[in-house]
PDB file of N, CA and C in Angstrom:
ATOM      1  N   UNK A   1      80.735  86.929 101.862  1.00  0.00           N
ATOM      2  CA  UNK A   1      81.097  86.988 103.269  1.00  0.00           C
ATOM      3  C   UNK A   1      81.978  85.789 103.620  1.00  0.00           C
ATOM      4  N   UNK A   2      82.998  86.046 104.405  1.00  0.00           N
ATOM      5  CA  UNK A   2      83.886  84.987 104.874  1.00  0.00           C
ATOM      6  C   UNK A   2      83.788  84.906 106.392  1.00  0.00           C
ATOM      7  N   UNK A   3      83.680  83.698 106.907  1.00  0.00           N
ATOM      8  CA  UNK A   3      83.615  83.496 108.346  1.00  0.00           C
ATOM      9  C   UNK A   3      84.842  82.723 108.788  1.00  0.00           C
ATOM     10  N   UNK A   4      85.498  83.232 109.829  1.00  0.00           N
ATOM     11  CA  UNK A   4      86.691  82.587 110.371  1.00  0.00           C
ATOM     12  C   UNK A   4      86.621  82.655 111.888  1.00  0.00           C
ATOM     13  N   UNK A   5      86.561  81.497 112.513  1.00  0.00           N
ATOM     14  CA  UNK A   5      86.523  81.385 113.972  1.00  0.00           C
ATOM     15  C   UNK A   5      85.446  82.270 114.604  1.00  0.00           C
ATOM     16  N   UNK A   6      84.267  82.238 113.994  1.00  0.00           N
ATOM     17  CA  UNK A   6      83.119  82.953 114.536  1.00  0.00           C
ATOM     18  C   UNK A   6      83.017  84.420 114.165  1.00  0.00           C
ATOM     19  N   UNK A   7      83.993  84.945 113.437  1.00  0.00           N
ATOM     20  CA  UNK A   7      83.949  86.344 113.014  1.00  0.00           C
ATOM     21  C   UNK A   7      83.681  86.407 111.521  1.00  0.00           C
ATOM     22  N   UNK A   8      82.896  87.400 111.106  1.00  0.00           N
ATOM     23  CA  UNK A   8      82.581  87.555 109.691  1.00  0.00           C
ATOM     24  C   UNK A   8      83.380  88.697 109.079  1.00  0.00           C
ATOM     25  N   UNK A   9      83.834  88.471 107.851  1.00  0.00           N
ATOM     26  CA  UNK A   9      84.622  89.451 107.117  1.00  0.00           C
ATOM     27  C   UNK A   9      84.016  89.607 105.727  1.00  0.00           C
ATOM     28  N   UNK A  10      83.987  90.834 105.187  1.00  0.00           N
ATOM     29  CA  UNK A  10      83.359  91.047 103.882  1.00  0.00           C
ATOM     30  C   UNK A  10      84.145  90.458 102.709  1.00  0.00           C
ATOM     31  N   UNK A  11      85.468  90.284 102.867  1.00  0.00           N
ATOM     32  CA  UNK A  11      86.256  89.694 101.789  1.00  0.00           C
ATOM     33  C   UNK A  11      87.494  89.024 102.384  1.00  0.00           C
ATOM     34  N   UNK A  12      88.203  88.284 101.556  1.00  0.00           N
ATOM     35  CA  UNK A  12      89.377  87.552 102.031  1.00  0.00           C
ATOM     36  C   UNK A  12      90.487  88.483 102.508  1.00  0.00           C
ATOM     37  N   UNK A  13      90.610  89.653 101.887  1.00  0.00           N
ATOM     38  CA  UNK A  13      91.627  90.615 102.311  1.00  0.00           C
ATOM     39  C   UNK A  13      91.326  91.148 103.698  1.00  0.00           C
ATOM     40  N   UNK A  14      90.070  91.452 103.963  1.00  0.00           N
ATOM     41  CA  UNK A  14      89.720  91.955 105.293  1.00  0.00           C
ATOM     42  C   UNK A  14      89.909  90.874 106.351  1.00  0.00           C
ATOM     43  N   UNK A  15      89.710  89.620 105.984  1.00  0.00           N
ATOM     44  CA  UNK A  15      89.974  88.516 106.910  1.00  0.00           C
ATOM     45  C   UNK A  15      91.457  88.494 107.276  1.00  0.00           C
ATOM     46  N   UNK A  16      92.315  88.540 106.264  1.00  0.00           N
ATOM     47  CA  UNK A  16      93.758  88.521 106.505  1.00  0.00           C
ATOM     48  C   UNK A  16      94.179  89.699 107.366  1.00  0.00           C
ATOM     49  N   UNK A  17      93.734  90.896 107.017  1.00  0.00           N
ATOM     50  CA  UNK A  17      94.114  92.077 107.777  1.00  0.00           C
ATOM     51  C   UNK A  17      93.487  92.074 109.172  1.00  0.00           C
ATOM     52  N   UNK A  18      92.331  91.478 109.302  1.00  0.00           N
ATOM     53  CA  UNK A  18      91.715  91.353 110.622  1.00  0.00           C
ATOM     54  C   UNK A  18      92.538  90.483 111.558  1.00  0.00           C
ATOM     55  N   UNK A  19      93.224  89.520 110.982  1.00  0.00           N
ATOM     56  CA  UNK A  19      94.029  88.606 111.790  1.00  0.00           C
ATOM     57  C   UNK A  19      95.434  89.146 112.038  1.00  0.00           C
ATOM     58  N   UNK A  20      96.075  89.712 111.021  1.00  0.00           N
ATOM     59  CA  UNK A  20      97.465  90.153 111.210  1.00  0.00           C
ATOM     60  C   UNK A  20      97.638  91.664 111.159  1.00  0.00           C
ATOM     61  N   UNK A  21      96.553  92.408 110.944  1.00  0.00           N
ATOM     62  CA  UNK A  21      96.649  93.850 110.825  1.00  0.00           C
ATOM     63  C   UNK A  21      96.942  94.535 112.145  1.00  0.00           C
ATOM     64  N   UNK A  22      97.232  95.804 112.061  1.00  0.00           N
ATOM     65  CA  UNK A  22      97.567  96.582 113.240  1.00  0.00           C
ATOM     66  C   UNK A  22      99.066  96.780 113.337  1.00  0.00           C
ATOM     67  N   UNK A  23      99.462  97.568 114.296  1.00  0.00           N
ATOM     68  CA  UNK A  23     100.864  97.966 114.406  1.00  0.00           C
ATOM     69  C   UNK A  23     101.777  96.851 114.894  1.00  0.00           C
ATOM     70  N   UNK A  24     101.277  95.939 115.735  1.00  0.00           N
ATOM     71  CA  UNK A  24     102.177  95.007 116.419  1.00  0.00           C
ATOM     72  C   UNK A  24     102.060  93.550 116.030  1.00  0.00           C
ATOM     73  N   UNK A  25     100.951  93.119 115.482  1.00  0.00           N
ATOM     74  CA  UNK A  25     100.782  91.688 115.204  1.00  0.00           C
ATOM     75  C   UNK A  25     101.818  91.142 114.235  1.00  0.00           C
ATOM     76  N   UNK A  26     102.060  91.843 113.138  1.00  0.00           N
ATOM     77  CA  UNK A  26     103.055  91.340 112.184  1.00  0.00           C
ATOM     78  C   UNK A  26     104.458  91.395 112.777  1.00  0.00           C
ATOM     79  N   UNK A  27     104.712  92.350 113.659  1.00  0.00           N
ATOM     80  CA  UNK A  27     106.015  92.429 114.317  1.00  0.00           C
ATOM     81  C   UNK A  27     106.209  91.202 115.212  1.00  0.00           C
ATOM     82  N   UNK A  28     105.183  90.849 115.955  1.00  0.00           N
ATOM     83  CA  UNK A  28     105.236  89.649 116.809  1.00  0.00           C
ATOM     84  C   UNK A  28     105.496  88.420 115.941  1.00  0.00           C
ATOM     85  N   UNK A  29     104.739  88.294 114.866  1.00  0.00           N
ATOM     86  CA  UNK A  29     104.898  87.140 113.979  1.00  0.00           C
ATOM     87  C   UNK A  29     106.298  87.103 113.375  1.00  0.00           C
ATOM     88  N   UNK A  30     106.820  88.261 112.997  1.00  0.00           N
ATOM     89  CA  UNK A  30     108.164  88.330 112.422  1.00  0.00           C
ATOM     90  C   UNK A  30     109.199  87.773 113.402  1.00  0.00           C
ATOM     91  N   UNK A  31     109.101  88.153 114.661  1.00  0.00           N
ATOM     92  CA  UNK A  31     110.071  87.681 115.649  1.00  0.00           C
ATOM     93  C   UNK A  31     109.891  86.206 116.000  1.00  0.00           C
ATOM     94  N   UNK A  32     108.704  85.669 115.780  1.00  0.00           N
ATOM     95  CA  UNK A  32     108.472  84.252 116.067  1.00  0.00           C
ATOM     96  C   UNK A  32     108.826  83.341 114.890  1.00  0.00           C
ATOM     97  N   UNK A  33     109.184  83.905 113.742  1.00  0.00           N
ATOM     98  CA  UNK A  33     109.539  83.093 112.569  1.00  0.00           C
ATOM     99  C   UNK A  33     110.694  82.153 112.896  1.00  0.00           C
ATOM    100  N   UNK A  34     111.685  82.649 113.606  1.00  0.00           N
ATOM    101  CA  UNK A  34     112.879  81.844 113.893  1.00  0.00           C
ATOM    102  C   UNK A  34     112.717  80.876 115.053  1.00  0.00           C
ATOM    103  N   UNK A  35     111.582  80.918 115.733  1.00  0.00           N
ATOM    104  CA  UNK A  35     111.358  79.971 116.822  1.00  0.00           C
ATOM    105  C   UNK A  35     110.645  80.597 118.007  1.00  0.00           C
ATOM    106  N   UNK A  36     110.461  79.795 119.030  1.00  0.00           N
ATOM    107  CA  UNK A  36     109.733  80.201 120.228  1.00  0.00           C
ATOM    108  C   UNK A  36     110.475  81.289 120.991  1.00  0.00           C
ATOM    109  N   UNK A  37     109.688  82.161 121.625  1.00  0.00           N
ATOM    110  CA  UNK A  37     110.250  83.208 122.476  1.00  0.00           C
ATOM    111  C   UNK A  37     109.420  83.345 123.740  1.00  0.00           C
ATOM    112  N   UNK A  38     110.093  83.679 124.821  1.00  0.00           N
ATOM    113  CA  UNK A  38     109.392  83.992 126.059  1.00  0.00           C
ATOM    114  C   UNK A  38     108.854  85.415 125.963  1.00  0.00           C
ATOM    115  N   UNK A  39     107.895  85.713 126.830  1.00  0.00           N
ATOM    116  CA  UNK A  39     107.271  87.035 126.834  1.00  0.00           C
ATOM    117  C   UNK A  39     108.324  88.141 126.954  1.00  0.00           C
ATOM    118  N   UNK A  40     109.236  88.011 127.906  1.00  0.00           N
ATOM    119  CA  UNK A  40     110.253  89.053 128.111  1.00  0.00           C
ATOM    120  C   UNK A  40     111.205  89.186 126.919  1.00  0.00           C
ATOM    121  N   UNK A  41     111.451  88.099 126.208  1.00  0.00           N
ATOM    122  CA  UNK A  41     112.284  88.177 125.007  1.00  0.00           C
ATOM    123  C   UNK A  41     111.585  89.003 123.930  1.00  0.00           C
ATOM    124  N   UNK A  42     110.268  88.806 123.793  1.00  0.00           N
ATOM    125  CA  UNK A  42     109.496  89.623 122.852  1.00  0.00           C
ATOM    126  C   UNK A  42     109.527  91.090 123.270  1.00  0.00           C
ATOM    127  N   UNK A  43     109.357  91.352 124.557  1.00  0.00           N
ATOM    128  CA  UNK A  43     109.368  92.731 125.073  1.00  0.00           C
ATOM    129  C   UNK A  43     110.692  93.423 124.745  1.00  0.00           C
ATOM    130  N   UNK A  44     111.804  92.705 124.877  1.00  0.00           N
ATOM    131  CA  UNK A  44     113.113  93.293 124.595  1.00  0.00           C
ATOM    132  C   UNK A  44     113.272  93.611 123.113  1.00  0.00           C
ATOM    133  N   UNK A  45     112.688  92.800 122.257  1.00  0.00           N
ATOM    134  CA  UNK A  45     112.777  93.027 120.810  1.00  0.00           C
ATOM    135  C   UNK A  45     111.856  94.160 120.360  1.00  0.00           C
ATOM    136  N   UNK A  46     110.847  94.464 121.190  1.00  0.00           N
ATOM    137  CA  UNK A  46     109.856  95.491 120.856  1.00  0.00           C
ATOM    138  C   UNK A  46     109.748  96.481 122.023  1.00  0.00           C
ATOM    139  N   UNK A  47     110.794  97.251 122.282  1.00  0.00           N
ATOM    140  CA  UNK A  47     110.809  98.098 123.474  1.00  0.00           C
ATOM    141  C   UNK A  47     109.761  99.212 123.506  1.00  0.00           C
ATOM    142  N   UNK A  48     109.231  99.610 122.357  1.00  0.00           N
ATOM    143  CA  UNK A  48     108.263 100.708 122.362  1.00  0.00           C
ATOM    144  C   UNK A  48     106.810 100.251 122.541  1.00  0.00           C
ATOM    145  N   UNK A  49     106.567  98.947 122.574  1.00  0.00           N
ATOM    146  CA  UNK A  49     105.205  98.460 122.807  1.00  0.00           C
ATOM    147  C   UNK A  49     104.958  98.407 124.315  1.00  0.00           C
ATOM    148  N   UNK A  50     103.748  98.773 124.721  1.00  0.00           N
ATOM    149  CA  UNK A  50     103.422  98.688 126.147  1.00  0.00           C
ATOM    150  C   UNK A  50     103.130  97.239 126.517  1.00  0.00           C
ATOM    151  N   UNK A  51     103.278  96.928 127.787  1.00  0.00           N
ATOM    152  CA  UNK A  51     102.997  95.562 128.237  1.00  0.00           C
ATOM    153  C   UNK A  51     101.549  95.189 127.973  1.00  0.00           C
ATOM    154  N   UNK A  52     100.646  96.119 128.206  1.00  0.00           N
ATOM    155  CA  UNK A  52      99.220  95.856 127.993  1.00  0.00           C
ATOM    156  C   UNK A  52      98.939  95.545 126.529  1.00  0.00           C
ATOM    157  N   UNK A  53      99.493  96.352 125.625  1.00  0.00           N
ATOM    158  CA  UNK A  53      99.279  96.142 124.196  1.00  0.00           C
ATOM    159  C   UNK A  53      99.863  94.810 123.749  1.00  0.00           C
ATOM    160  N   UNK A  54     101.084  94.505 124.189  1.00  0.00           N
ATOM    161  CA  UNK A  54     101.698  93.239 123.811  1.00  0.00           C
ATOM    162  C   UNK A  54     100.854  92.065 124.304  1.00  0.00           C
ATOM    163  N   UNK A  55     100.404  92.131 125.538  1.00  0.00           N
ATOM    164  CA  UNK A  55      99.574  91.055 126.094  1.00  0.00           C
ATOM    165  C   UNK A  55      98.283  90.881 125.297  1.00  0.00           C
ATOM    166  N   UNK A  56      97.627  91.997 124.955  1.00  0.00           N
ATOM    167  CA  UNK A  56      96.377  91.923 124.190  1.00  0.00           C
ATOM    168  C   UNK A  56      96.603  91.363 122.789  1.00  0.00           C
ATOM    169  N   UNK A  57      97.687  91.779 122.136  1.00  0.00           N
ATOM    170  CA  UNK A  57      97.972  91.291 120.790  1.00  0.00           C
ATOM    171  C   UNK A  57      98.304  89.803 120.809  1.00  0.00           C
ATOM    172  N   UNK A  58      99.063  89.376 121.806  1.00  0.00           N
ATOM    173  CA  UNK A  58      99.382  87.949 121.943  1.00  0.00           C
ATOM    174  C   UNK A  58      98.106  87.138 122.176  1.00  0.00           C
ATOM    175  N   UNK A  59      97.239  87.649 123.023  1.00  0.00           N
ATOM    176  CA  UNK A  59      95.981  86.952 123.316  1.00  0.00           C
ATOM    177  C   UNK A  59      95.117  86.831 122.059  1.00  0.00           C
ATOM    178  N   UNK A  60      95.031  87.905 121.282  1.00  0.00           N
ATOM    179  CA  UNK A  60      94.236  87.888 120.048  1.00  0.00           C
ATOM    180  C   UNK A  60      94.812  86.903 119.037  1.00  0.00           C
ATOM    181  N   UNK A  61      96.128  86.924 118.868  1.00  0.00           N
ATOM    182  CA  UNK A  61      96.763  85.977 117.938  1.00  0.00           C
ATOM    183  C   UNK A  61      96.559  84.540 118.396  1.00  0.00           C
ATOM    184  N   UNK A  62      96.573  84.321 119.702  1.00  0.00           N
ATOM    185  CA  UNK A  62      96.322  82.976 120.232  1.00  0.00           C
ATOM    186  C   UNK A  62      94.872  82.558 119.980  1.00  0.00           C
ATOM    187  N   UNK A  63      93.924  83.461 120.219  1.00  0.00           N
ATOM    188  CA  UNK A  63      92.506  83.165 119.980  1.00  0.00           C
ATOM    189  C   UNK A  63      92.231  82.847 118.512  1.00  0.00           C
ATOM    190  N   UNK A  64      92.976  83.494 117.615  1.00  0.00           N
ATOM    191  CA  UNK A  64      92.807  83.256 116.178  1.00  0.00           C
ATOM    192  C   UNK A  64      93.561  82.024 115.692  1.00  0.00           C
ATOM    193  N   UNK A  65      94.281  81.363 116.599  1.00  0.00           N
ATOM    194  CA  UNK A  65      94.980  80.130 116.241  1.00  0.00           C
ATOM    195  C   UNK A  65      96.286  80.351 115.496  1.00  0.00           C
ATOM    196  N   UNK A  66      96.846  81.555 115.592  1.00  0.00           N
ATOM    197  CA  UNK A  66      98.066  81.888 114.866  1.00  0.00           C
ATOM    198  C   UNK A  66      99.308  81.569 115.705  1.00  0.00           C
ATOM    199  N   UNK A  67      99.214  81.796 116.992  1.00  0.00           N
ATOM    200  CA  UNK A  67     100.312  81.448 117.897  1.00  0.00           C
ATOM    201  C   UNK A  67      99.785  80.547 119.008  1.00  0.00           C
ATOM    202  N   UNK A  68     100.711  79.849 119.646  1.00  0.00           N
ATOM    203  CA  UNK A  68     100.313  79.065 120.818  1.00  0.00           C
ATOM    204  C   UNK A  68     101.128  79.548 122.010  1.00  0.00           C
ATOM    205  N   UNK A  69     100.510  79.444 123.153  1.00  0.00           N
ATOM    206  CA  UNK A  69     101.106  79.861 124.418  1.00  0.00           C
ATOM    207  C   UNK A  69     101.274  78.615 125.263  1.00  0.00           C
ATOM    208  N   UNK A  70     102.499  78.340 125.641  1.00  0.00           N
ATOM    209  CA  UNK A  70     102.777  77.183 126.485  1.00  0.00           C
ATOM    210  C   UNK A  70     103.290  77.666 127.836  1.00  0.00           C
ATOM    211  N   UNK A  71     102.707  77.118 128.892  1.00  0.00           N
ATOM    212  CA  UNK A  71     103.117  77.473 130.244  1.00  0.00           C
ATOM    213  C   UNK A  71     103.820  76.271 130.850  1.00  0.00           C
ATOM    214  N   UNK A  72     105.031  76.507 131.338  1.00  0.00           N
ATOM    215  CA  UNK A  72     105.814  75.456 131.978  1.00  0.00           C
ATOM    216  C   UNK A  72     105.887  75.758 133.464  1.00  0.00           C
ATOM    217  N   UNK A  73     105.371  74.823 134.262  1.00  0.00           N
ATOM    218  CA  UNK A  73     105.324  75.045 135.707  1.00  0.00           C
ATOM    219  C   UNK A  73     106.121  74.003 136.477  1.00  0.00           C
ATOM    220  N   UNK A  74     106.904  73.187 135.776  1.00  0.00           N
ATOM    221  CA  UNK A  74     107.604  72.087 136.447  1.00  0.00           C
ATOM    222  C   UNK A  74     108.556  72.573 137.529  1.00  0.00           C
ATOM    223  N   UNK A  75     109.228  73.706 137.279  1.00  0.00           N
ATOM    224  CA  UNK A  75     110.059  74.267 138.339  1.00  0.00           C
ATOM    225  C   UNK A  75     110.012  75.787 138.256  1.00  0.00           C
ATOM    226  N   UNK A  76     110.041  76.441 139.415  1.00  0.00           N
ATOM    227  CA  UNK A  76     109.971  77.908 139.415  1.00  0.00           C
ATOM    228  C   UNK A  76     111.204  78.508 138.751  1.00  0.00           C
ATOM    229  N   UNK A  77     111.106  79.690 138.180  1.00  0.00           N
ATOM    230  CA  UNK A  77     109.898  80.498 138.022  1.00  0.00           C
ATOM    231  C   UNK A  77     109.045  80.007 136.853  1.00  0.00           C
ATOM    232  N   UNK A  78     107.803  80.444 136.854  1.00  0.00           N
ATOM    233  CA  UNK A  78     106.865  80.109 135.788  1.00  0.00           C
ATOM    234  C   UNK A  78     107.463  80.552 134.447  1.00  0.00           C
ATOM    235  N   UNK A  79     107.360  79.691 133.446  1.00  0.00           N
ATOM    236  CA  UNK A  79     107.914  80.002 132.126  1.00  0.00           C
ATOM    237  C   UNK A  79     106.791  79.944 131.096  1.00  0.00           C
ATOM    238  N   UNK A  80     106.610  81.040 130.356  1.00  0.00           N
ATOM    239  CA  UNK A  80     105.597  81.115 129.303  1.00  0.00           C
ATOM    240  C   UNK A  80     106.322  81.337 127.982  1.00  0.00           C
ATOM    241  N   UNK A  81     106.028  80.459 127.010  1.00  0.00           N
ATOM    242  CA  UNK A  81     106.695  80.512 125.708  1.00  0.00           C
ATOM    243  C   UNK A  81     105.644  80.639 124.610  1.00  0.00           C
ATOM    244  N   UNK A  82     105.925  81.513 123.642  1.00  0.00           N
ATOM    245  CA  UNK A  82     105.038  81.716 122.500  1.00  0.00           C
ATOM    246  C   UNK A  82     105.713  81.191 121.238  1.00  0.00           C
ATOM    247  N   UNK A  83     104.909  80.557 120.377  1.00  0.00           N
ATOM    248  CA  UNK A  83     105.430  80.055 119.107  1.00  0.00           C
ATOM    249  C   UNK A  83     104.310  80.056 118.073  1.00  0.00           C
ATOM    250  N   UNK A  84     104.703  79.932 116.817  1.00  0.00           N
ATOM    251  CA  UNK A  84     103.727  79.870 115.730  1.00  0.00           C
ATOM    252  C   UNK A  84     103.071  78.497 115.697  1.00  0.00           C
ATOM    253  N   UNK A  85     101.776  78.473 115.432  1.00  0.00           N
ATOM    254  CA  UNK A  85     101.067  77.215 115.207  1.00  0.00           C
ATOM    255  C   UNK A  85     101.276  76.811 113.741  1.00  0.00           C
ATOM    256  N   UNK A  86     100.726  75.676 113.353  1.00  0.00           N
ATOM    257  CA  UNK A  86     100.797  75.264 111.948  1.00  0.00           C
ATOM    258  C   UNK A  86     100.142  76.321 111.059  1.00  0.00           C
ATOM    259  N   UNK A  87      99.007  76.859 111.498  1.00  0.00           N
ATOM    260  CA  UNK A  87      98.344  77.929 110.745  1.00  0.00           C
ATOM    261  C   UNK A  87      99.224  79.178 110.712  1.00  0.00           C
ATOM    262  N   UNK A  88      99.827  79.517 111.830  1.00  0.00           N
ATOM    263  CA  UNK A  88     100.708  80.678 111.901  1.00  0.00           C
ATOM    264  C   UNK A  88     101.898  80.550 110.972  1.00  0.00           C
ATOM    265  N   UNK A  89     102.422  79.344 110.841  1.00  0.00           N
ATOM    266  CA  UNK A  89     103.582  79.128 109.964  1.00  0.00           C
ATOM    267  C   UNK A  89     103.238  79.367 108.499  1.00  0.00           C
ATOM    268  N   UNK A  90     101.968  79.223 108.135  1.00  0.00           N
ATOM    269  CA  UNK A  90     101.582  79.505 106.751  1.00  0.00           C
ATOM    270  C   UNK A  90     101.690  80.991 106.429  1.00  0.00           C
ATOM    271  N   UNK A  91     101.776  81.844 107.463  1.00  0.00           N
ATOM    272  CA  UNK A  91     101.908  83.282 107.265  1.00  0.00           C
ATOM    273  C   UNK A  91     103.362  83.721 107.073  1.00  0.00           C
ATOM    274  N   UNK A  92     104.320  82.825 107.266  1.00  0.00           N
ATOM    275  CA  UNK A  92     105.737  83.201 107.168  1.00  0.00           C
ATOM    276  C   UNK A  92     106.067  83.852 105.827  1.00  0.00           C
ATOM    277  N   UNK A  93     105.670  83.282 104.679  1.00  0.00           N
ATOM    278  CA  UNK A  93     106.010  83.958 103.407  1.00  0.00           C
ATOM    279  C   UNK A  93     105.407  85.358 103.309  1.00  0.00           C
ATOM    280  N   UNK A  94     104.204  85.540 103.811  1.00  0.00           N
ATOM    281  CA  UNK A  94     103.553  86.845 103.779  1.00  0.00           C
ATOM    282  C   UNK A  94     104.291  87.847 104.666  1.00  0.00           C
ATOM    283  N   UNK A  95     104.593  87.452 105.889  1.00  0.00           N
ATOM    284  CA  UNK A  95     105.300  88.333 106.825  1.00  0.00           C
ATOM    285  C   UNK A  95     106.699  88.645 106.295  1.00  0.00           C
ATOM    286  N   UNK A  96     107.366  87.646 105.724  1.00  0.00           N
ATOM    287  CA  UNK A  96     108.702  87.871 105.169  1.00  0.00           C
ATOM    288  C   UNK A  96     108.644  88.841 103.996  1.00  0.00           C
ATOM    289  N   UNK A  97     107.607  88.730 103.163  1.00  0.00           N
ATOM    290  CA  UNK A  97     107.440  89.669 102.043  1.00  0.00           C
ATOM    291  C   UNK A  97     107.215  91.088 102.547  1.00  0.00           C
ATOM    292  N   UNK A  98     106.445  91.240 103.610  1.00  0.00           N
ATOM    293  CA  UNK A  98     106.216  92.563 104.199  1.00  0.00           C
ATOM    294  C   UNK A  98     107.538  93.133 104.710  1.00  0.00           C
ATOM    295  N   UNK A  99     108.333  92.306 105.387  1.00  0.00           N
ATOM    296  CA  UNK A  99     109.634  92.745 105.892  1.00  0.00           C
ATOM    297  C   UNK A  99     110.571  93.110 104.744  1.00  0.00           C
ATOM    298  N   UNK A 100     110.584  92.296 103.704  1.00  0.00           N
ATOM    299  CA  UNK A 100     111.442  92.564 102.547  1.00  0.00           C
ATOM    300  C   UNK A 100     111.065  93.888 101.883  1.00  0.00           C
ATOM    301  N   UNK A 101     109.757  94.143 101.759  1.00  0.00           N
ATOM    302  CA  UNK A 101     109.315  95.395 101.170  1.00  0.00           C
ATOM    303  C   UNK A 101     109.751  96.581 102.027  1.00  0.00           C
ATOM    304  N   UNK A 102     109.664  96.449 103.341  1.00  0.00           N
ATOM    305  CA  UNK A 102     110.106  97.515 104.237  1.00  0.00           C
ATOM    306  C   UNK A 102     111.582  97.823 104.051  1.00  0.00           C
ATOM    307  N   UNK A 103     112.405  96.781 103.939  1.00  0.00           N
ATOM    308  CA  UNK A 103     113.834  96.980 103.687  1.00  0.00           C
ATOM    309  C   UNK A 103     114.072  97.672 102.347  1.00  0.00           C
ATOM    310  N   UNK A 104     113.337  97.245 101.326  1.00  0.00           N
ATOM    311  CA  UNK A 104     113.439  97.846  99.998  1.00  0.00           C
ATOM    312  C   UNK A 104     113.059  99.325 100.043  1.00  0.00           C
ATOM    313  N   UNK A 105     111.950  99.638 100.691  1.00  0.00           N
ATOM    314  CA  UNK A 105     111.489 101.025 100.759  1.00  0.00           C
ATOM    315  C   UNK A 105     112.501 101.919 101.449  1.00  0.00           C
ATOM    316  N   UNK A 106     113.101 101.422 102.515  1.00  0.00           N
ATOM    317  CA  UNK A 106     114.116 102.202 103.222  1.00  0.00           C
ATOM    318  C   UNK A 106     115.331 102.450 102.341  1.00  0.00           C
ATOM    319  N   UNK A 107     115.779 101.427 101.640  1.00  0.00           N
ATOM    320  CA  UNK A 107     116.970 101.565 100.775  1.00  0.00           C
ATOM    321  C   UNK A 107     116.713 102.473  99.579  1.00  0.00           C
ATOM    322  N   UNK A 108     115.550 102.338  98.962  1.00  0.00           N
ATOM    323  CA  UNK A 108     115.301 102.992  97.690  1.00  0.00           C
ATOM    324  C   UNK A 108     114.582 104.342  97.782  1.00  0.00           C
ATOM    325  N   UNK A 109     113.752 104.547  98.804  1.00  0.00           N
ATOM    326  CA  UNK A 109     112.887 105.724  98.819  1.00  0.00           C
ATOM    327  C   UNK A 109     112.910 106.542 100.104  1.00  0.00           C
ATOM    328  N   UNK A 110     113.705 106.181 101.072  1.00  0.00           N
ATOM    329  CA  UNK A 110     113.693 106.863 102.365  1.00  0.00           C
ATOM    330  C   UNK A 110     114.133 108.315 102.272  1.00  0.00           C
ATOM    331  N   UNK A 111     115.009 108.634 101.362  1.00  0.00           N
ATOM    332  CA  UNK A 111     115.545 109.993 101.276  1.00  0.00           C
ATOM    333  C   UNK A 111     114.798 110.889 100.301  1.00  0.00           C
ATOM    334  N   UNK A 112     113.701 110.448  99.770  1.00  0.00           N
ATOM    335  CA  UNK A 112     112.967 111.256  98.783  1.00  0.00           C
ATOM    336  C   UNK A 112     111.966 112.165  99.441  1.00  0.00           C
TER     337      UNK A 112
END
């Protein structure tokens, strides 16, 4: 059994998939590889995700310590920026490998 931030997982693979699995989490992480993005910038990059789903996925990734949410209130309008934490940055090679495989699959096997 593996325990991470109060949650138990039966193996290391289930821990990893529990943190980055699902339809949108890896997509969010992929877009944050190059740097911080505001909520609306993420929404524009992922037009088919609902606002509710995006908000929930961001909250879960933040709770797991993968991304950080910074709120800037010094001058209106309110600005919220998301970025990878140090732990989140360790996922970059994994997320990049997933993206690379997707590109490979499209090039080599999409028409079969």
